Amino acid sequence: MTEPAASVSNDALGVMANTVDIEREKAPQSGGPRVSIGLPVYNGEPYLVEALDSILGQTFSDFELIICDNGSTDRTEEICRSYEARDPRVRYSRNPSNLGVFGNHAKVFSMATGEYYFWAADDDIRAPEFLEKTVAVLDAEPDVVICYSKIEVIDEKGSRVDAVEQRVDCENEDPVERFRSLIRMDYRLEPIMGLHRTDPLRATGAHGLYPDSDRVLLAEMGLRGPFRRLPEVLFKRRDHAARSIRSFPSRHERAMWIDPTRSRRLSFPYHRQLVEYLRSISKAPITLGQKAACCGIMFGWCIQHRKLLWSDYEWSLRAVLGPAFRRLRSR
């Protein structure tokens, strides 16, 4: 669901860090479940029950479901607490203040204890065999860092709208070729909703406070190992009017929604993405030659997307000069 532009000041981020530390203390430290499922939610009432039932109905049952409620104002808390009361695998946490969408993603991941992890959404549906089949792949192939399935897009009523076809070469054994494919702008990030190995995921920057940080996350995971895609549809992603990409179609608008502290400052989301890709290369466990090759790929990325990079300057100029023009017109 679309979250409000919460005030995420430096002080609030500090509160978030303290809250995360407290929740870590509450989490079981050993002998825990093999899989952690993180469900960040805000006002998820319309589809939440269906999403929770699809998770708790998995044929693979050795998991924990961690729900982080970002201060919902609908019946989300009531629904979640009812599930927590009747299923010991469910842990519900309600944030004292809204942390922003990616702040809540970071918090729920920090509470994970399992060997494997995936982010769930309050409006999506998993087939009962999703965990059983993805866990089997990660168990059998230790080098694979993400296992995901073919995806079907559904509408508000659950009717099929589209099937997402494979567009990336993320199963290649060469990390340079995986990186080349995963930084493309023309695929729909289907692996992000797959099952991840927790350790390499922790080694990445996870979700940053900028648009398309999930694309950077996938590229960084791709530098750590190949992905595997199951050919059957085990995941249904719901497309509806309240999705954030519908409410904030421009990346510059989403930048201010994701990180409201930037609402009165300049916004350079494409430059931020470039910097984060380079940071991912520098910290990746690959050879110097492979890092050099990835940097060369980023040079080509800059040329290919030069208009997008330039749009950062155009947007910022309008943000700075727009109020001045409006003041002149009002005189």
C-alpha atoms as a PDB file:
ATOM      1  CA  MET A   1       0.000   0.000   0.000  1.00  0.00           C
ATOM      2  CA  THR A   2       1.077   3.589  -0.528  1.00  0.00           C
ATOM      3  CA  GLU A   3       2.563   5.100   2.588  1.00  0.00           C
ATOM      4  CA  PRO A   4       2.379   8.764   3.597  1.00  0.00           C
ATOM      5  CA  ALA A   5       5.382  11.013   3.362  1.00  0.00           C
ATOM      6  CA  ALA A   6       6.481  10.370   6.914  1.00  0.00           C
ATOM      7  CA  SER A   7       8.894  12.752   8.570  1.00  0.00           C
ATOM      8  CA  VAL A   8      12.162  10.810   8.698  1.00  0.00           C
ATOM      9  CA  SER A   9      14.593  13.245  10.244  1.00  0.00           C
ATOM     10  CA  ASN A  10      18.045  12.311  11.519  1.00  0.00           C
ATOM     11  CA  ASP A  11      16.525  12.067  14.989  1.00  0.00           C
ATOM     12  CA  ALA A  12      13.821   9.744  13.678  1.00  0.00           C
ATOM     13  CA  LEU A  13      16.410   7.561  12.005  1.00  0.00           C
ATOM     14  CA  GLY A  14      18.204   7.378  15.337  1.00  0.00           C
ATOM     15  CA  VAL A  15      14.971   6.278  16.998  1.00  0.00           C
ATOM     16  CA  MET A  16      14.578   3.657  14.271  1.00  0.00           C
ATOM     17  CA  ALA A  17      18.074   2.314  14.974  1.00  0.00           C
ATOM     18  CA  ASN A  18      17.293   2.067  18.689  1.00  0.00           C
ATOM     19  CA  THR A  19      13.993   0.331  17.946  1.00  0.00           C
ATOM     20  CA  VAL A  20      15.785  -2.147  15.693  1.00  0.00           C
ATOM     21  CA  ASP A  21      18.276  -2.938  18.462  1.00  0.00           C
ATOM     22  CA  ILE A  22      15.419  -3.593  20.884  1.00  0.00           C
ATOM     23  CA  GLU A  23      13.684  -5.886  18.417  1.00  0.00           C
ATOM     24  CA  ARG A  24      16.919  -7.789  17.818  1.00  0.00           C
ATOM     25  CA  GLU A  25      17.074  -8.485  21.555  1.00  0.00           C
ATOM     26  CA  LYS A  26      13.550  -9.921  21.375  1.00  0.00           C
ATOM     27  CA  ALA A  27      14.364 -12.160  18.409  1.00  0.00           C
ATOM     28  CA  PRO A  28      15.438 -15.750  19.082  1.00  0.00           C
ATOM     29  CA  GLN A  29      19.193 -16.064  18.849  1.00  0.00           C
ATOM     30  CA  SER A  30      19.609 -19.778  18.161  1.00  0.00           C
ATOM     31  CA  GLY A  31      17.617 -22.814  17.150  1.00  0.00           C
ATOM     32  CA  GLY A  32      15.308 -20.570  15.167  1.00  0.00           C
ATOM     33  CA  PRO A  33      13.418 -21.273  11.951  1.00  0.00           C
ATOM     34  CA  ARG A  34      15.206 -21.858   8.643  1.00  0.00           C
ATOM     35  CA  VAL A  35      13.294 -19.114   6.826  1.00  0.00           C
ATOM     36  CA  SER A  36      12.416 -15.590   7.888  1.00  0.00           C
ATOM     37  CA  ILE A  37       9.597 -13.801   6.094  1.00  0.00           C
ATOM     38  CA  GLY A  38       9.484 -10.027   6.498  1.00  0.00           C
ATOM     39  CA  LEU A  39       6.167  -8.268   5.925  1.00  0.00           C
ATOM     40  CA  PRO A  40       6.391  -4.453   6.119  1.00  0.00           C
ATOM     41  CA  VAL A  41       2.860  -3.065   6.058  1.00  0.00           C
ATOM     42  CA  TYR A  42       0.983   0.212   6.169  1.00  0.00           C
ATOM     43  CA  ASN A  43      -2.822   0.297   5.907  1.00  0.00           C
ATOM     44  CA  GLY A  44      -2.893  -3.109   4.260  1.00  0.00           C
ATOM     45  CA  GLU A  45      -6.448  -4.027   5.268  1.00  0.00           C
ATOM     46  CA  PRO A  46      -7.925  -4.552   1.757  1.00  0.00           C
ATOM     47  CA  TYR A  47      -5.750  -7.553   0.831  1.00  0.00           C
ATOM     48  CA  LEU A  48      -3.919  -8.420   4.050  1.00  0.00           C
ATOM     49  CA  VAL A  49      -5.952 -11.466   5.094  1.00  0.00           C
ATOM     50  CA  GLU A  50      -5.482 -13.112   1.695  1.00  0.00           C
ATOM     51  CA  ALA A  51      -1.737 -12.384   1.783  1.00  0.00           C
ATOM     52  CA  LEU A  52      -1.322 -13.760   5.326  1.00  0.00           C
ATOM     53  CA  ASP A  53      -3.313 -16.895   4.527  1.00  0.00           C
ATOM     54  CA  SER A  54      -1.112 -17.584   1.486  1.00  0.00           C
ATOM     55  CA  ILE A  55       2.029 -17.300   3.641  1.00  0.00           C
ATOM     56  CA  LEU A  56       0.794 -19.360   6.583  1.00  0.00           C
ATOM     57  CA  GLY A  57      -0.581 -22.001   4.222  1.00  0.00           C
ATOM     58  CA  GLN A  58       2.865 -22.923   2.876  1.00  0.00           C
ATOM     59  CA  THR A  59       3.660 -26.633   2.623  1.00  0.00           C
ATOM     60  CA  PHE A  60       7.126 -25.819   4.071  1.00  0.00           C
ATOM     61  CA  SER A  61       6.362 -24.746   7.621  1.00  0.00           C
ATOM     62  CA  ASP A  62       9.770 -24.065   9.242  1.00  0.00           C
ATOM     63  CA  PHE A  63       9.583 -20.269   9.089  1.00  0.00           C
ATOM     64  CA  GLU A  64       8.886 -17.152  11.095  1.00  0.00           C
ATOM     65  CA  LEU A  65       6.656 -14.354   9.836  1.00  0.00           C
ATOM     66  CA  ILE A  66       7.767 -10.932  11.071  1.00  0.00           C
ATOM     67  CA  ILE A  67       5.237  -8.141  10.524  1.00  0.00           C
ATOM     68  CA  CYS A  68       6.317  -4.515  10.930  1.00  0.00           C
ATOM     69  CA  ASP A  69       3.350  -2.156  10.983  1.00  0.00           C
ATOM     70  CA  ASN A  70       4.359   1.383  10.034  1.00  0.00           C
ATOM     71  CA  GLY A  71       1.642   3.052  12.104  1.00  0.00           C
ATOM     72  CA  SER A  72      -1.426   1.892  10.180  1.00  0.00           C
ATOM     73  CA  THR A  73      -4.685   3.753  10.778  1.00  0.00           C
ATOM     74  CA  ASP A  74      -7.044   1.068   9.426  1.00  0.00           C
ATOM     75  CA  ARG A  75      -7.728  -2.461  10.767  1.00  0.00           C
ATOM     76  CA  THR A  76      -4.210  -3.706   9.979  1.00  0.00           C
ATOM     77  CA  GLU A  77      -3.174  -3.935  13.653  1.00  0.00           C
ATOM     78  CA  GLU A  78      -6.334  -5.816  14.620  1.00  0.00           C
ATOM     79  CA  ILE A  79      -5.881  -8.307  11.786  1.00  0.00           C
ATOM     80  CA  CYS A  80      -2.195  -8.898  12.504  1.00  0.00           C
ATOM     81  CA  ARG A  81      -2.676  -9.368  16.240  1.00  0.00           C
ATOM     82  CA  SER A  82      -5.403 -11.932  15.605  1.00  0.00           C
ATOM     83  CA  TYR A  83      -3.006 -13.972  13.454  1.00  0.00           C
ATOM     84  CA  GLU A  84      -0.212 -13.581  16.028  1.00  0.00           C
ATOM     85  CA  ALA A  85      -2.534 -14.882  18.748  1.00  0.00           C
ATOM     86  CA  ARG A  86      -3.319 -18.093  16.911  1.00  0.00           C
ATOM     87  CA  ASP A  87      -0.036 -18.912  15.148  1.00  0.00           C
ATOM     88  CA  PRO A  88       3.273 -18.950  17.103  1.00  0.00           C
ATOM     89  CA  ARG A  89       5.249 -18.388  13.892  1.00  0.00           C
ATOM     90  CA  VAL A  90       3.881 -14.825  13.643  1.00  0.00           C
ATOM     91  CA  ARG A  91       5.635 -11.893  15.336  1.00  0.00           C
ATOM     92  CA  TYR A  92       3.906  -8.518  15.130  1.00  0.00           C
ATOM     93  CA  SER A  93       5.683  -5.220  15.780  1.00  0.00           C
ATOM     94  CA  ARG A  94       4.120  -1.775  15.510  1.00  0.00           C
ATOM     95  CA  ASN A  95       6.449   1.183  14.957  1.00  0.00           C
ATOM     96  CA  PRO A  96       5.935   4.083  17.396  1.00  0.00           C
ATOM     97  CA  SER A  97       6.306   6.453  14.434  1.00  0.00           C
ATOM     98  CA  ASN A  98       6.234   6.024  10.656  1.00  0.00           C
ATOM     99  CA  LEU A  99       9.744   5.155   9.430  1.00  0.00           C
ATOM    100  CA  GLY A 100       9.047   5.622   5.734  1.00  0.00           C
ATOM    101  CA  VAL A 101       8.610   2.748   3.318  1.00  0.00           C
ATOM    102  CA  PHE A 102      12.260   1.649   3.036  1.00  0.00           C
ATOM    103  CA  GLY A 103      12.947   2.403   6.694  1.00  0.00           C
ATOM    104  CA  ASN A 104      10.286  -0.163   7.526  1.00  0.00           C
ATOM    105  CA  HIS A 105      11.779  -2.633   5.019  1.00  0.00           C
ATOM    106  CA  ALA A 106      15.146  -2.234   6.752  1.00  0.00           C
ATOM    107  CA  LYS A 107      13.671  -2.738  10.205  1.00  0.00           C
ATOM    108  CA  VAL A 108      11.807  -5.933   9.344  1.00  0.00           C
ATOM    109  CA  PHE A 109      14.927  -7.390   7.740  1.00  0.00           C
ATOM    110  CA  SER A 110      17.033  -6.526  10.797  1.00  0.00           C
ATOM    111  CA  MET A 111      14.761  -8.764  12.875  1.00  0.00           C
ATOM    112  CA  ALA A 112      15.263 -11.830  10.670  1.00  0.00           C
ATOM    113  CA  THR A 113      16.951 -14.881  12.197  1.00  0.00           C
ATOM    114  CA  GLY A 114      16.608 -17.474   9.441  1.00  0.00           C
ATOM    115  CA  GLU A 115      19.141 -18.867   6.992  1.00  0.00           C
ATOM    116  CA  TYR A 116      16.890 -17.738   4.131  1.00  0.00           C
ATOM    117  CA  TYR A 117      14.721 -14.632   3.798  1.00  0.00           C
ATOM    118  CA  PHE A 118      12.121 -13.026   1.617  1.00  0.00           C
ATOM    119  CA  TRP A 119      10.127  -9.807   1.699  1.00  0.00           C
ATOM    120  CA  ALA A 120       6.384 -10.333   1.519  1.00  0.00           C
ATOM    121  CA  ALA A 121       3.800  -7.693   0.624  1.00  0.00           C
ATOM    122  CA  ASP A 122       0.350  -7.151   2.067  1.00  0.00           C
ATOM    123  CA  ASP A 123      -1.289  -7.339  -1.367  1.00  0.00           C
ATOM    124  CA  ASP A 124       0.489 -10.291  -3.060  1.00  0.00           C
ATOM    125  CA  ILE A 125      -0.185 -14.041  -3.049  1.00  0.00           C
ATOM    126  CA  ARG A 126       2.231 -16.990  -2.814  1.00  0.00           C
ATOM    127  CA  ALA A 127       1.350 -20.475  -4.000  1.00  0.00           C
ATOM    128  CA  PRO A 128       1.428 -23.108  -1.191  1.00  0.00           C
ATOM    129  CA  GLU A 129       4.559 -24.708  -2.724  1.00  0.00           C
ATOM    130  CA  PHE A 130       6.546 -21.470  -3.043  1.00  0.00           C
ATOM    131  CA  LEU A 131       8.773 -22.027  -0.003  1.00  0.00           C
ATOM    132  CA  GLU A 132       9.088 -25.767  -0.433  1.00  0.00           C
ATOM    133  CA  LYS A 133      10.412 -25.439  -3.968  1.00  0.00           C
ATOM    134  CA  THR A 134      12.652 -22.393  -3.475  1.00  0.00           C
ATOM    135  CA  VAL A 135      14.213 -23.793  -0.292  1.00  0.00           C
ATOM    136  CA  ALA A 136      14.973 -27.033  -2.155  1.00  0.00           C
ATOM    137  CA  VAL A 137      16.916 -25.105  -4.807  1.00  0.00           C
ATOM    138  CA  LEU A 138      18.973 -23.107  -2.285  1.00  0.00           C
ATOM    139  CA  ASP A 139      19.691 -26.259  -0.301  1.00  0.00           C
ATOM    140  CA  ALA A 140      20.865 -28.119  -3.417  1.00  0.00           C
ATOM    141  CA  GLU A 141      22.914 -25.261  -4.932  1.00  0.00           C
ATOM    142  CA  PRO A 142      25.032 -23.470  -2.302  1.00  0.00           C
ATOM    143  CA  ASP A 143      26.325 -20.860  -4.775  1.00  0.00           C
ATOM    144  CA  VAL A 144      22.836 -19.632  -5.699  1.00  0.00           C
ATOM    145  CA  VAL A 145      21.864 -16.510  -3.726  1.00  0.00           C
ATOM    146  CA  ILE A 146      18.238 -16.002  -4.868  1.00  0.00           C
ATOM    147  CA  CYS A 147      15.583 -18.426  -6.052  1.00  0.00           C
ATOM    148  CA  TYR A 148      12.366 -17.020  -7.462  1.00  0.00           C
ATOM    149  CA  SER A 149       9.531 -18.170  -9.682  1.00  0.00           C
ATOM    150  CA  LYS A 150       7.650 -17.054 -12.730  1.00  0.00           C
ATOM    151  CA  ILE A 151       5.282 -14.221 -11.800  1.00  0.00           C
ATOM    152  CA  GLU A 152       1.687 -13.537 -12.725  1.00  0.00           C
ATOM    153  CA  VAL A 153       0.151 -10.071 -12.362  1.00  0.00           C
ATOM    154  CA  ILE A 154      -3.386  -9.922 -10.959  1.00  0.00           C
ATOM    155  CA  ASP A 155      -5.852  -7.081 -10.480  1.00  0.00           C
ATOM    156  CA  GLU A 156      -7.803  -5.927  -7.427  1.00  0.00           C
ATOM    157  CA  LYS A 157     -10.189  -8.877  -7.718  1.00  0.00           C
ATOM    158  CA  GLY A 158      -7.455 -11.462  -8.214  1.00  0.00           C
ATOM    159  CA  SER A 159      -8.018 -11.933 -11.943  1.00  0.00           C
ATOM    160  CA  ARG A 160      -4.987 -12.530 -14.157  1.00  0.00           C
ATOM    161  CA  VAL A 161      -3.759  -9.422 -15.983  1.00  0.00           C
ATOM    162  CA  ASP A 162      -0.355 -10.400 -17.311  1.00  0.00           C
ATOM    163  CA  ALA A 163       2.529 -12.857 -16.964  1.00  0.00           C
ATOM    164  CA  VAL A 164       6.011 -11.475 -16.327  1.00  0.00           C
ATOM    165  CA  GLU A 165       8.519 -12.985 -18.726  1.00  0.00           C
ATOM    166  CA  GLN A 166      12.213 -13.464 -17.991  1.00  0.00           C
ATOM    167  CA  ARG A 167      14.219 -10.457 -19.194  1.00  0.00           C
ATOM    168  CA  VAL A 168      17.536 -10.780 -17.371  1.00  0.00           C
ATOM    169  CA  ASP A 169      20.499 -13.163 -17.569  1.00  0.00           C
ATOM    170  CA  CYS A 170      20.856 -13.567 -13.803  1.00  0.00           C
ATOM    171  CA  GLU A 171      21.632 -17.303 -13.958  1.00  0.00           C
ATOM    172  CA  ASN A 172      24.926 -16.746 -15.791  1.00  0.00           C
ATOM    173  CA  GLU A 173      27.944 -18.113 -13.919  1.00  0.00           C
ATOM    174  CA  ASP A 174      29.977 -14.964 -14.740  1.00  0.00           C
ATOM    175  CA  PRO A 175      29.335 -12.166 -12.180  1.00  0.00           C
ATOM    176  CA  VAL A 176      30.241  -9.510 -14.766  1.00  0.00           C
ATOM    177  CA  GLU A 177      27.543 -10.730 -17.147  1.00  0.00           C
ATOM    178  CA  ARG A 178      25.021 -10.964 -14.311  1.00  0.00           C
ATOM    179  CA  PHE A 179      25.835  -7.374 -13.338  1.00  0.00           C
ATOM    180  CA  ARG A 180      25.518  -6.214 -16.956  1.00  0.00           C
ATOM    181  CA  SER A 181      22.025  -7.689 -17.142  1.00  0.00           C
ATOM    182  CA  LEU A 182      20.762  -6.675 -13.706  1.00  0.00           C
ATOM    183  CA  ILE A 183      21.512  -2.948 -14.111  1.00  0.00           C
ATOM    184  CA  ARG A 184      19.171  -2.738 -17.094  1.00  0.00           C
ATOM    185  CA  MET A 185      16.100  -0.520 -16.747  1.00  0.00           C
ATOM    186  CA  ASP A 186      13.725  -2.661 -18.824  1.00  0.00           C
ATOM    187  CA  TYR A 187      12.783  -5.521 -16.483  1.00  0.00           C
ATOM    188  CA  ARG A 188      10.305  -5.633 -13.630  1.00  0.00           C
ATOM    189  CA  LEU A 189      12.538  -6.709 -10.752  1.00  0.00           C
ATOM    190  CA  GLU A 190      10.860 -10.087 -10.364  1.00  0.00           C
ATOM    191  CA  PRO A 191      13.831 -11.666  -8.440  1.00  0.00           C
ATOM    192  CA  ILE A 192      13.487  -9.168  -5.566  1.00  0.00           C
ATOM    193  CA  MET A 193      10.423 -11.049  -4.292  1.00  0.00           C
ATOM    194  CA  GLY A 194      12.226 -14.397  -4.340  1.00  0.00           C
ATOM    195  CA  LEU A 195      13.892 -16.328  -1.527  1.00  0.00           C
ATOM    196  CA  HIS A 196      17.317 -14.860  -0.609  1.00  0.00           C
ATOM    197  CA  ARG A 197      20.255 -16.239   1.311  1.00  0.00           C
ATOM    198  CA  THR A 198      20.340 -14.074   4.409  1.00  0.00           C
ATOM    199  CA  ASP A 199      24.129 -13.731   4.795  1.00  0.00           C
ATOM    200  CA  PRO A 200      24.892 -12.258   1.344  1.00  0.00           C
ATOM    201  CA  LEU A 201      21.778 -10.111   1.640  1.00  0.00           C
ATOM    202  CA  ARG A 202      23.095  -8.647   4.905  1.00  0.00           C
ATOM    203  CA  ALA A 203      26.411  -7.893   3.167  1.00  0.00           C
ATOM    204  CA  THR A 204      24.638  -5.594   0.698  1.00  0.00           C
ATOM    205  CA  GLY A 205      23.190  -2.168   1.344  1.00  0.00           C
ATOM    206  CA  ALA A 206      19.679  -3.723   1.209  1.00  0.00           C
ATOM    207  CA  HIS A 207      17.035  -1.061   0.550  1.00  0.00           C
ATOM    208  CA  GLY A 208      18.437   2.476   0.496  1.00  0.00           C
ATOM    209  CA  LEU A 209      16.436   5.698   0.850  1.00  0.00           C
ATOM    210  CA  TYR A 210      16.245   6.345  -2.887  1.00  0.00           C
ATOM    211  CA  PRO A 211      14.111   5.125  -5.810  1.00  0.00           C
ATOM    212  CA  ASP A 212      15.074   1.897  -7.541  1.00  0.00           C
ATOM    213  CA  SER A 213      17.295   0.846  -4.653  1.00  0.00           C
ATOM    214  CA  ASP A 214      15.821  -2.633  -5.165  1.00  0.00           C
ATOM    215  CA  ARG A 215      17.397  -2.667  -8.650  1.00  0.00           C
ATOM    216  CA  VAL A 216      20.765  -1.817  -7.098  1.00  0.00           C
ATOM    217  CA  LEU A 217      20.190  -4.499  -4.465  1.00  0.00           C
ATOM    218  CA  LEU A 218      19.632  -7.123  -7.152  1.00  0.00           C
ATOM    219  CA  ALA A 219      22.785  -6.077  -9.006  1.00  0.00           C
ATOM    220  CA  GLU A 220      24.745  -6.301  -5.756  1.00  0.00           C
ATOM    221  CA  MET A 221      23.327  -9.752  -5.009  1.00  0.00           C
ATOM    222  CA  GLY A 222      24.188 -10.762  -8.578  1.00  0.00           C
ATOM    223  CA  LEU A 223      27.824  -9.915  -7.879  1.00  0.00           C
ATOM    224  CA  ARG A 224      27.695 -12.455  -5.034  1.00  0.00           C
ATOM    225  CA  GLY A 225      26.182 -15.374  -6.880  1.00  0.00           C
ATOM    226  CA  PRO A 226      23.760 -16.549  -9.580  1.00  0.00           C
ATOM    227  CA  PHE A 227      19.972 -16.621  -9.265  1.00  0.00           C
ATOM    228  CA  ARG A 228      17.614 -19.463 -10.185  1.00  0.00           C
ATOM    229  CA  ARG A 229      14.131 -19.046 -11.645  1.00  0.00           C
ATOM    230  CA  LEU A 230      11.489 -21.723 -11.317  1.00  0.00           C
ATOM    231  CA  PRO A 231       9.400 -22.081 -14.491  1.00  0.00           C
ATOM    232  CA  GLU A 232       5.998 -22.341 -12.815  1.00  0.00           C
ATOM    233  CA  VAL A 233       3.903 -19.454 -11.436  1.00  0.00           C
ATOM    234  CA  LEU A 234       4.303 -19.530  -7.655  1.00  0.00           C
ATOM    235  CA  PHE A 235       3.893 -15.814  -7.005  1.00  0.00           C
ATOM    236  CA  LYS A 236       1.057 -13.446  -7.930  1.00  0.00           C
ATOM    237  CA  ARG A 237       1.762  -9.730  -7.754  1.00  0.00           C
ATOM    238  CA  ARG A 238      -1.266  -7.494  -7.391  1.00  0.00           C
ATOM    239  CA  ASP A 239      -1.531  -4.355  -9.501  1.00  0.00           C
ATOM    240  CA  HIS A 240      -3.932  -1.752  -8.115  1.00  0.00           C
ATOM    241  CA  ALA A 241      -4.476   1.986  -7.975  1.00  0.00           C
ATOM    242  CA  ALA A 242      -2.892   2.447  -4.529  1.00  0.00           C
ATOM    243  CA  ARG A 243       0.556   1.195  -5.600  1.00  0.00           C
ATOM    244  CA  SER A 244       3.290   3.783  -5.044  1.00  0.00           C
ATOM    245  CA  ILE A 245       4.425   3.747  -8.668  1.00  0.00           C
ATOM    246  CA  ARG A 246       0.906   4.840  -9.646  1.00  0.00           C
ATOM    247  CA  SER A 247       0.795   7.603  -7.044  1.00  0.00           C
ATOM    248  CA  PHE A 248       4.355   8.780  -7.782  1.00  0.00           C
ATOM    249  CA  PRO A 249       5.128   8.009 -11.460  1.00  0.00           C
ATOM    250  CA  SER A 250       8.208  10.256 -11.583  1.00  0.00           C
ATOM    251  CA  ARG A 251      11.382   8.948  -9.968  1.00  0.00           C
ATOM    252  CA  HIS A 252      12.051  12.434  -8.597  1.00  0.00           C
ATOM    253  CA  GLU A 253       8.627  12.460  -6.917  1.00  0.00           C
ATOM    254  CA  ARG A 254       9.277   8.994  -5.481  1.00  0.00           C
ATOM    255  CA  ALA A 255      12.632  10.214  -4.162  1.00  0.00           C
ATOM    256  CA  MET A 256      10.875  12.768  -1.985  1.00  0.00           C
ATOM    257  CA  TRP A 257       8.211  10.228  -0.922  1.00  0.00           C
ATOM    258  CA  ILE A 258      10.820   7.628   0.055  1.00  0.00           C
ATOM    259  CA  ASP A 259      13.019  10.147   1.873  1.00  0.00           C
ATOM    260  CA  PRO A 260      10.811  13.064   2.968  1.00  0.00           C
ATOM    261  CA  THR A 261      13.821  14.860   4.525  1.00  0.00           C
ATOM    262  CA  ARG A 262      14.824  15.693   0.925  1.00  0.00           C
ATOM    263  CA  SER A 263      11.490  17.354   0.113  1.00  0.00           C
ATOM    264  CA  ARG A 264      13.005  20.812   0.326  1.00  0.00           C
ATOM    265  CA  ARG A 265      16.362  19.930  -1.168  1.00  0.00           C
ATOM    266  CA  LEU A 266      17.656  19.063  -4.596  1.00  0.00           C
ATOM    267  CA  SER A 267      16.975  15.570  -5.882  1.00  0.00           C
ATOM    268  CA  PHE A 268      19.433  13.545  -7.993  1.00  0.00           C
ATOM    269  CA  PRO A 269      18.030   9.975  -7.923  1.00  0.00           C
ATOM    270  CA  TYR A 270      19.760   8.784 -11.114  1.00  0.00           C
ATOM    271  CA  HIS A 271      23.126  10.071  -9.909  1.00  0.00           C
ATOM    272  CA  ARG A 272      22.490   8.378  -6.565  1.00  0.00           C
ATOM    273  CA  GLN A 273      21.821   5.118  -8.383  1.00  0.00           C
ATOM    274  CA  LEU A 274      25.092   5.506 -10.313  1.00  0.00           C
ATOM    275  CA  VAL A 275      27.045   6.078  -7.096  1.00  0.00           C
ATOM    276  CA  GLU A 276      25.417   3.059  -5.433  1.00  0.00           C
ATOM    277  CA  TYR A 277      26.271   0.806  -8.377  1.00  0.00           C
ATOM    278  CA  LEU A 278      29.909   1.882  -8.116  1.00  0.00           C
ATOM    279  CA  ARG A 279      29.860   1.302  -4.363  1.00  0.00           C
ATOM    280  CA  SER A 280      28.442  -2.185  -4.968  1.00  0.00           C
ATOM    281  CA  ILE A 281      31.287  -2.973  -7.356  1.00  0.00           C
ATOM    282  CA  SER A 282      33.929  -1.768  -4.915  1.00  0.00           C
ATOM    283  CA  LYS A 283      32.741  -4.012  -2.057  1.00  0.00           C
ATOM    284  CA  ALA A 284      31.845  -7.083  -4.142  1.00  0.00           C
ATOM    285  CA  PRO A 285      33.787 -10.341  -3.504  1.00  0.00           C
ATOM    286  CA  ILE A 286      35.113 -10.527  -7.086  1.00  0.00           C
ATOM    287  CA  THR A 287      38.550 -10.088  -8.680  1.00  0.00           C
ATOM    288  CA  LEU A 288      40.091  -6.730  -9.572  1.00  0.00           C
ATOM    289  CA  GLY A 289      39.751  -7.604 -13.234  1.00  0.00           C
ATOM    290  CA  GLN A 290      36.048  -8.286 -12.798  1.00  0.00           C
ATOM    291  CA  LYS A 291      35.625  -5.024 -10.906  1.00  0.00           C
ATOM    292  CA  ALA A 292      37.336  -3.151 -13.738  1.00  0.00           C
ATOM    293  CA  ALA A 293      35.012  -4.833 -16.246  1.00  0.00           C
ATOM    294  CA  CYS A 294      31.968  -3.813 -14.193  1.00  0.00           C
ATOM    295  CA  CYS A 295      33.214  -0.217 -14.041  1.00  0.00           C
ATOM    296  CA  GLY A 296      33.522  -0.278 -17.824  1.00  0.00           C
ATOM    297  CA  ILE A 297      29.911  -1.453 -18.023  1.00  0.00           C
ATOM    298  CA  MET A 298      28.894   1.490 -15.844  1.00  0.00           C
ATOM    299  CA  PHE A 299      30.632   3.879 -18.240  1.00  0.00           C
ATOM    300  CA  GLY A 300      28.374   2.524 -20.976  1.00  0.00           C
ATOM    301  CA  TRP A 301      25.384   2.793 -18.623  1.00  0.00           C
ATOM    302  CA  CYS A 302      26.103   6.515 -18.167  1.00  0.00           C
ATOM    303  CA  ILE A 303      26.191   7.080 -21.925  1.00  0.00           C
ATOM    304  CA  GLN A 304      23.018   5.061 -22.485  1.00  0.00           C
ATOM    305  CA  HIS A 305      21.134   6.877 -19.743  1.00  0.00           C
ATOM    306  CA  ARG A 306      22.640  10.333 -20.150  1.00  0.00           C
ATOM    307  CA  LYS A 307      19.173  11.863 -20.657  1.00  0.00           C
ATOM    308  CA  LEU A 308      18.004  10.420 -17.349  1.00  0.00           C
ATOM    309  CA  LEU A 309      21.101  11.744 -15.588  1.00  0.00           C
ATOM    310  CA  TRP A 310      20.489  15.163 -17.169  1.00  0.00           C
ATOM    311  CA  SER A 311      16.878  15.054 -15.950  1.00  0.00           C
ATOM    312  CA  ASP A 312      18.225  15.252 -12.392  1.00  0.00           C
ATOM    313  CA  TYR A 313      19.597  18.727 -13.178  1.00  0.00           C
ATOM    314  CA  GLU A 314      16.408  19.808 -14.976  1.00  0.00           C
ATOM    315  CA  TRP A 315      14.229  18.689 -12.079  1.00  0.00           C
ATOM    316  CA  SER A 316      16.440  20.425  -9.520  1.00  0.00           C
ATOM    317  CA  LEU A 317      16.504  23.653 -11.555  1.00  0.00           C
ATOM    318  CA  ARG A 318      12.709  23.664 -11.703  1.00  0.00           C
ATOM    319  CA  ALA A 319      12.565  22.967  -7.970  1.00  0.00           C
ATOM    320  CA  VAL A 320      14.847  25.944  -7.267  1.00  0.00           C
ATOM    321  CA  LEU A 321      13.573  28.403  -9.884  1.00  0.00           C
ATOM    322  CA  GLY A 322       9.875  27.471  -9.780  1.00  0.00           C
ATOM    323  CA  PRO A 323       9.112  29.191  -6.451  1.00  0.00           C
ATOM    324  CA  ALA A 324      11.027  32.282  -7.600  1.00  0.00           C
ATOM    325  CA  PHE A 325       8.955  32.518 -10.780  1.00  0.00           C
ATOM    326  CA  ARG A 326       5.748  32.077  -8.802  1.00  0.00           C
ATOM    327  CA  ARG A 327       6.742  34.890  -6.439  1.00  0.00           C
ATOM    328  CA  LEU A 328       7.467  37.189  -9.393  1.00  0.00           C
ATOM    329  CA  ARG A 329       4.101  36.438 -10.981  1.00  0.00           C
ATOM    330  CA  SER A 330       2.264  37.128  -7.734  1.00  0.00           C
ATOM    331  CA  ARG A 331       3.686  40.661  -7.507  1.00  0.00           C
END
